[in-house]
Every structure is written in structure tokens, then in C-alpha cells.
Amino acid sequence: MTTTRRILMSSLPAAVVGICTLVGMATSARAQPQQQEPLRMPSPSKEEDPSFVAQLFVLLIIAGAAIGANVIPSKRGHQD
């Protein structure tokens, strides 16, 4: 068996897989609709305004987390 023929025989499976992939891509491309409707942003029916209580609750959570992190004692070594 010549070297050229051996190379062709060993690359045959790769060629078959490549051709099958191209055929599969072509058929899936034809299955897509020709024109798609452009996407539009949805318009909100009502603007939601956060209540004062919700804003105060979030402020307390953030402030509590900051104060809590500062209250934790630092680990001091024996050389301090």
C-alpha cells in the first residue's frame, strides 16, 4: 500500500463526518424563517415607585452590615 493511499484511507472518516456536518447545517439553516420580526422593548404598564419603608429597610440592612463588620474584633498576634 502506498503512502498516499494510506493517508487517503485514514482521512476518509474525517471527510465523511465533515460532509455530514455541512449537510446537517444546511438543512437546519433552511428550516429557519426567512424574516424575523425585530425585537422591541416592552413598555411598562405602570411605573413602580419604591415605598419609603422599603428604602429605609435597605438602608438599615446596609448600615447594619457595615457597622457589624467594624465591630468584629481584629485578630492580634503576640507581637502587638
N, C-alpha and C. Protein backbone atom coordinates (compact mmCIF):
# COMPACT_ATOMS: atom_id res chain seq x y z
N MET A 1 0.84 -1.16 0.00
CA MET A 1 0.00 0.00 0.00
C MET A 1 0.90 1.24 0.00
N THR A 2 0.62 2.18 -0.87
CA THR A 2 1.45 3.36 -0.96
C THR A 2 1.10 4.34 0.15
N THR A 3 2.00 5.25 0.37
CA THR A 3 1.81 6.23 1.44
C THR A 3 0.62 7.14 1.16
N THR A 4 0.46 7.52 -0.08
CA THR A 4 -0.65 8.40 -0.44
C THR A 4 -1.99 7.71 -0.20
N ARG A 5 -2.07 6.46 -0.59
CA ARG A 5 -3.33 5.73 -0.40
C ARG A 5 -3.61 5.52 1.09
N ARG A 6 -2.58 5.27 1.88
CA ARG A 6 -2.75 5.09 3.32
C ARG A 6 -3.26 6.40 3.96
N ILE A 7 -2.74 7.53 3.54
CA ILE A 7 -3.19 8.83 4.06
C ILE A 7 -4.64 9.08 3.68
N LEU A 8 -5.00 8.78 2.43
CA LEU A 8 -6.38 8.97 1.99
C LEU A 8 -7.34 8.08 2.77
N MET A 9 -6.96 6.86 3.03
CA MET A 9 -7.83 5.93 3.76
C MET A 9 -7.98 6.35 5.22
N SER A 10 -6.93 6.91 5.79
CA SER A 10 -7.03 7.31 7.20
C SER A 10 -7.81 8.61 7.37
N SER A 11 -7.87 9.44 6.34
CA SER A 11 -8.61 10.69 6.44
C SER A 11 -10.06 10.56 5.95
N LEU A 12 -10.44 9.40 5.47
CA LEU A 12 -11.80 9.18 4.98
C LEU A 12 -12.86 9.39 6.07
N PRO A 13 -12.69 8.84 7.28
CA PRO A 13 -13.72 9.08 8.31
C PRO A 13 -13.90 10.57 8.65
N ALA A 14 -12.83 11.30 8.69
CA ALA A 14 -12.92 12.74 8.98
C ALA A 14 -13.67 13.46 7.86
N ALA A 15 -13.45 13.06 6.62
CA ALA A 15 -14.14 13.68 5.50
C ALA A 15 -15.63 13.37 5.55
N VAL A 16 -15.97 12.14 5.90
CA VAL A 16 -17.39 11.76 5.98
C VAL A 16 -18.09 12.56 7.09
N VAL A 17 -17.43 12.69 8.24
CA VAL A 17 -18.02 13.46 9.34
C VAL A 17 -18.18 14.93 8.93
N GLY A 18 -17.20 15.48 8.25
CA GLY A 18 -17.28 16.87 7.80
C GLY A 18 -18.42 17.10 6.82
N ILE A 19 -18.59 16.19 5.89
CA ILE A 19 -19.67 16.32 4.90
C ILE A 19 -21.03 16.20 5.58
N CYS A 20 -21.16 15.25 6.51
CA CYS A 20 -22.44 15.10 7.24
C CYS A 20 -22.75 16.35 8.05
N THR A 21 -21.74 16.95 8.65
CA THR A 21 -21.95 18.18 9.41
C THR A 21 -22.42 19.31 8.51
N LEU A 22 -21.80 19.45 7.35
CA LEU A 22 -22.20 20.51 6.42
C LEU A 22 -23.63 20.30 5.93
N VAL A 23 -23.99 19.07 5.65
CA VAL A 23 -25.36 18.79 5.19
C VAL A 23 -26.35 19.09 6.30
N GLY A 24 -26.03 18.72 7.52
CA GLY A 24 -26.91 19.00 8.66
C GLY A 24 -27.07 20.48 8.90
N MET A 25 -26.01 21.25 8.74
CA MET A 25 -26.10 22.70 8.93
C MET A 25 -26.94 23.33 7.83
N ALA A 26 -26.81 22.84 6.63
CA ALA A 26 -27.57 23.41 5.52
C ALA A 26 -29.06 23.16 5.69
N THR A 27 -29.42 21.96 6.15
CA THR A 27 -30.85 21.68 6.32
C THR A 27 -31.43 22.44 7.49
N SER A 28 -30.66 22.65 8.55
CA SER A 28 -31.19 23.42 9.67
C SER A 28 -31.29 24.91 9.31
N ALA A 29 -30.42 25.39 8.43
CA ALA A 29 -30.50 26.78 8.00
C ALA A 29 -31.74 27.01 7.15
N ARG A 30 -32.12 26.03 6.36
CA ARG A 30 -33.32 26.18 5.54
C ARG A 30 -34.59 26.12 6.37
N ALA A 31 -34.53 25.52 7.54
CA ALA A 31 -35.71 25.39 8.38
C ALA A 31 -36.04 26.69 9.12
N GLN A 32 -35.13 27.63 9.13
CA GLN A 32 -35.35 28.89 9.83
C GLN A 32 -36.29 29.79 9.01
N PRO A 33 -37.10 30.62 9.68
CA PRO A 33 -37.96 31.54 8.93
C PRO A 33 -37.11 32.58 8.20
N GLN A 34 -37.63 33.04 7.08
CA GLN A 34 -36.87 33.96 6.25
C GLN A 34 -36.70 35.33 6.89
N GLN A 35 -37.78 35.89 7.41
CA GLN A 35 -37.70 37.21 8.03
C GLN A 35 -38.22 37.11 9.46
N GLN A 36 -37.45 37.66 10.36
CA GLN A 36 -37.87 37.65 11.75
C GLN A 36 -38.33 39.06 12.14
N GLU A 37 -39.32 39.10 12.99
CA GLU A 37 -39.82 40.39 13.47
C GLU A 37 -38.79 41.00 14.40
N PRO A 38 -38.49 42.30 14.24
CA PRO A 38 -37.48 42.92 15.11
C PRO A 38 -37.95 42.95 16.56
N LEU A 39 -37.00 42.79 17.47
CA LEU A 39 -37.32 42.80 18.89
C LEU A 39 -37.57 44.23 19.36
N ARG A 40 -38.57 44.37 20.20
CA ARG A 40 -38.89 45.69 20.76
C ARG A 40 -38.90 45.59 22.28
N MET A 41 -38.52 46.67 22.92
CA MET A 41 -38.55 46.69 24.37
C MET A 41 -39.99 46.74 24.85
N PRO A 42 -40.30 45.97 25.88
CA PRO A 42 -41.66 46.04 26.40
C PRO A 42 -41.87 47.35 27.14
N SER A 43 -43.05 47.91 26.98
CA SER A 43 -43.34 49.15 27.69
C SER A 43 -44.05 48.80 29.00
N PRO A 44 -43.58 49.34 30.11
CA PRO A 44 -44.21 49.02 31.39
C PRO A 44 -45.61 49.62 31.48
N SER A 45 -46.50 48.86 32.06
CA SER A 45 -47.86 49.36 32.19
C SER A 45 -47.97 50.38 33.32
N LYS A 46 -47.15 50.23 34.36
CA LYS A 46 -47.20 51.14 35.49
C LYS A 46 -45.79 51.28 36.04
N GLU A 47 -45.37 52.50 36.27
CA GLU A 47 -44.06 52.70 36.88
C GLU A 47 -44.17 52.43 38.36
N GLU A 48 -43.30 51.56 38.84
CA GLU A 48 -43.34 51.24 40.26
C GLU A 48 -42.39 52.16 41.00
N ASP A 49 -42.91 52.80 42.02
CA ASP A 49 -42.12 53.69 42.85
C ASP A 49 -41.87 53.00 44.18
N PRO A 50 -40.61 52.75 44.54
CA PRO A 50 -40.37 52.05 45.79
C PRO A 50 -40.87 52.88 46.98
N SER A 51 -41.46 52.22 47.93
CA SER A 51 -42.01 52.93 49.07
C SER A 51 -40.89 53.39 50.00
N PHE A 52 -41.24 54.32 50.85
CA PHE A 52 -40.27 54.87 51.81
C PHE A 52 -39.81 53.79 52.78
N VAL A 53 -40.72 52.92 53.17
CA VAL A 53 -40.38 51.86 54.12
C VAL A 53 -39.38 50.89 53.50
N ALA A 54 -39.53 50.55 52.23
CA ALA A 54 -38.60 49.65 51.57
C ALA A 54 -37.21 50.29 51.47
N GLN A 55 -37.15 51.58 51.17
CA GLN A 55 -35.88 52.27 51.09
C GLN A 55 -35.21 52.32 52.46
N LEU A 56 -35.98 52.57 53.50
CA LEU A 56 -35.45 52.63 54.84
C LEU A 56 -34.94 51.24 55.27
N PHE A 57 -35.65 50.19 54.92
CA PHE A 57 -35.24 48.83 55.24
C PHE A 57 -33.90 48.49 54.59
N VAL A 58 -33.74 48.84 53.33
CA VAL A 58 -32.49 48.58 52.62
C VAL A 58 -31.35 49.38 53.24
N LEU A 59 -31.62 50.62 53.60
CA LEU A 59 -30.60 51.46 54.25
C LEU A 59 -30.17 50.84 55.57
N LEU A 60 -31.11 50.34 56.36
CA LEU A 60 -30.78 49.73 57.64
C LEU A 60 -29.95 48.46 57.45
N ILE A 61 -30.27 47.67 56.44
CA ILE A 61 -29.51 46.45 56.16
C ILE A 61 -28.06 46.79 55.80
N ILE A 62 -27.88 47.76 54.93
CA ILE A 62 -26.52 48.14 54.50
C ILE A 62 -25.74 48.74 55.66
N ALA A 63 -26.38 49.63 56.42
CA ALA A 63 -25.70 50.24 57.57
C ALA A 63 -25.38 49.18 58.63
N GLY A 64 -26.29 48.25 58.87
CA GLY A 64 -26.04 47.20 59.84
C GLY A 64 -24.88 46.30 59.42
N ALA A 65 -24.77 46.01 58.14
CA ALA A 65 -23.66 45.19 57.65
C ALA A 65 -22.33 45.92 57.81
N ALA A 66 -22.31 47.22 57.53
CA ALA A 66 -21.07 48.00 57.67
C ALA A 66 -20.66 48.11 59.13
N ILE A 67 -21.61 48.40 60.00
CA ILE A 67 -21.29 48.52 61.43
C ILE A 67 -20.90 47.16 62.00
N GLY A 68 -21.61 46.11 61.60
CA GLY A 68 -21.28 44.77 62.08
C GLY A 68 -19.88 44.34 61.68
N ALA A 69 -19.44 44.70 60.50
CA ALA A 69 -18.10 44.33 60.05
C ALA A 69 -17.04 45.08 60.85
N ASN A 70 -17.35 46.31 61.27
CA ASN A 70 -16.38 47.08 62.04
C ASN A 70 -16.37 46.68 63.51
N VAL A 71 -17.43 46.07 64.01
CA VAL A 71 -17.49 45.68 65.41
C VAL A 71 -16.69 44.40 65.67
N ILE A 72 -16.51 43.57 64.68
CA ILE A 72 -15.77 42.32 64.85
C ILE A 72 -14.33 42.66 65.26
N PRO A 73 -13.87 42.12 66.38
CA PRO A 73 -12.51 42.45 66.82
C PRO A 73 -11.46 41.88 65.86
N SER A 74 -10.39 42.62 65.72
CA SER A 74 -9.32 42.15 64.84
C SER A 74 -8.48 41.12 65.57
N LYS A 75 -7.92 40.22 64.84
CA LYS A 75 -7.08 39.19 65.45
C LYS A 75 -5.69 39.78 65.65
N ARG A 76 -5.29 39.83 66.88
CA ARG A 76 -4.00 40.43 67.19
C ARG A 76 -3.03 39.33 67.56
N GLY A 77 -1.85 39.44 67.08
CA GLY A 77 -0.83 38.44 67.37
C GLY A 77 -0.12 38.71 68.69
N HIS A 78 0.82 37.89 69.05
CA HIS A 78 1.53 38.04 70.31
C HIS A 78 2.59 39.13 70.25
N GLN A 79 2.87 39.68 69.05
CA GLN A 79 3.90 40.70 68.92
C GLN A 79 3.34 42.11 69.02
N ASP A 80 2.02 42.26 69.21
CA ASP A 80 1.43 43.61 69.28
C ASP A 80 1.61 44.23 70.64
